[in-house]
């Protein structure tokens, strides 16, 4: 399935949460914190007021409670507004 965001929306693929600590302790899925980093998978065309400021392939940080979670072909994605992206990670 292919998703194309509309307007000022961006499709992000969420980074996987760590399942093991540095000392080797396994963290159960229910206790894992969701990471707030993701890779840009697709971008919408933007609007006159809100231009898209990220490109496909960039790694970004986003607001903790931003967007709508979707599952595509068994993978977790997030659709967020461009304004919910707070930083690009180099």
Protein backbone atom coordinates (compact mmCIF):
# COMPACT_ATOMS: atom_id res chain seq x y z
CA UNK A 1 0.00 0.00 0.00
CA UNK A 2 1.24 3.49 -0.79
CA UNK A 3 0.21 6.61 1.15
CA UNK A 4 0.58 10.16 -0.15
CA UNK A 5 0.10 12.84 2.52
CA UNK A 6 -2.06 15.85 1.65
CA UNK A 7 -1.57 19.54 2.45
CA UNK A 8 1.11 20.23 5.04
CA UNK A 9 1.22 16.63 6.30
CA UNK A 10 4.32 14.40 6.49
CA UNK A 11 4.46 10.58 6.71
CA UNK A 12 7.06 9.39 9.24
CA UNK A 13 8.39 5.90 9.93
CA UNK A 14 8.95 5.70 13.67
CA UNK A 15 12.29 4.52 15.02
CA UNK A 16 12.23 1.27 16.96
CA UNK A 17 12.36 1.56 20.73
CA UNK A 18 15.31 -0.01 22.51
CA UNK A 19 14.49 -3.50 23.80
CA UNK A 20 17.61 -3.96 25.91
CA UNK A 21 19.56 -1.67 28.22
CA UNK A 22 23.32 -1.16 27.94
CA UNK A 23 23.80 -3.60 30.82
CA UNK A 24 21.73 -6.30 29.08
CA UNK A 25 18.38 -6.01 30.88
CA UNK A 26 15.47 -6.74 28.52
CA UNK A 27 12.72 -4.11 28.60
CA UNK A 28 9.19 -5.48 28.05
CA UNK A 29 7.22 -3.79 25.25
CA UNK A 30 4.68 -2.40 27.73
CA UNK A 31 7.43 -0.52 29.61
CA UNK A 32 9.21 0.89 26.57
CA UNK A 33 8.99 4.61 25.93
CA UNK A 34 8.07 5.57 22.41
CA UNK A 35 10.93 7.35 20.72
CA UNK A 36 10.25 10.74 19.23
CA UNK A 37 12.54 10.29 16.26
CA UNK A 38 11.52 9.08 12.84
CA UNK A 39 12.51 9.02 9.18
CA UNK A 40 10.53 11.04 6.64
CA UNK A 41 8.92 8.61 4.18
CA UNK A 42 6.69 10.99 2.17
CA UNK A 43 5.66 14.64 2.21
CA UNK A 44 2.57 16.49 1.07
CA UNK A 45 2.66 19.42 -1.37
CA UNK A 46 2.35 22.00 1.41
CA UNK A 47 0.01 25.00 1.43
CA UNK A 48 0.43 28.71 0.75
CA UNK A 49 0.68 29.35 4.50
CA UNK A 50 2.61 26.22 5.52
CA UNK A 51 5.53 25.24 3.29
CA UNK A 52 7.08 21.78 3.74
CA UNK A 53 10.53 22.15 5.33
CA UNK A 54 11.73 18.52 5.35
CA UNK A 55 12.71 16.07 2.61
CA UNK A 56 12.18 12.33 2.18
CA UNK A 57 14.94 10.39 3.93
CA UNK A 58 15.72 12.96 6.62
CA UNK A 59 15.73 11.88 10.27
CA UNK A 60 13.57 14.17 12.42
CA UNK A 61 12.32 14.74 15.96
CA UNK A 62 8.61 15.43 16.51
CA UNK A 63 6.26 16.51 19.32
CA UNK A 64 5.43 13.69 21.74
CA UNK A 65 1.65 13.70 21.22
CA UNK A 66 1.62 14.72 17.56
CA UNK A 67 -0.05 13.06 14.64
CA UNK A 68 -2.09 10.01 13.80
CA UNK A 69 -0.61 6.53 14.06
CA UNK A 70 -1.24 4.17 11.14
CA UNK A 71 -0.10 0.63 10.40
CA UNK A 72 0.86 -0.10 6.79
CA UNK A 73 1.88 -3.64 5.80
CA UNK A 74 2.70 -4.43 9.45
CA UNK A 75 4.92 -1.37 9.95
CA UNK A 76 4.10 1.56 12.27
CA UNK A 77 3.92 5.02 10.72
CA UNK A 78 2.85 8.45 11.89
CA UNK A 79 1.16 11.20 9.88
CA UNK A 80 1.99 14.62 11.35
CA UNK A 81 1.67 18.25 10.36
CA UNK A 82 4.89 19.85 9.19
CA UNK A 83 4.66 22.23 12.19
CA UNK A 84 4.79 19.23 14.60
CA UNK A 85 8.33 18.44 13.42
CA UNK A 86 10.67 20.21 15.82
CA UNK A 87 14.13 19.35 14.49
CA UNK A 88 16.12 17.64 11.73
CA UNK A 89 18.83 15.29 13.00
CA UNK A 90 22.13 15.43 11.07
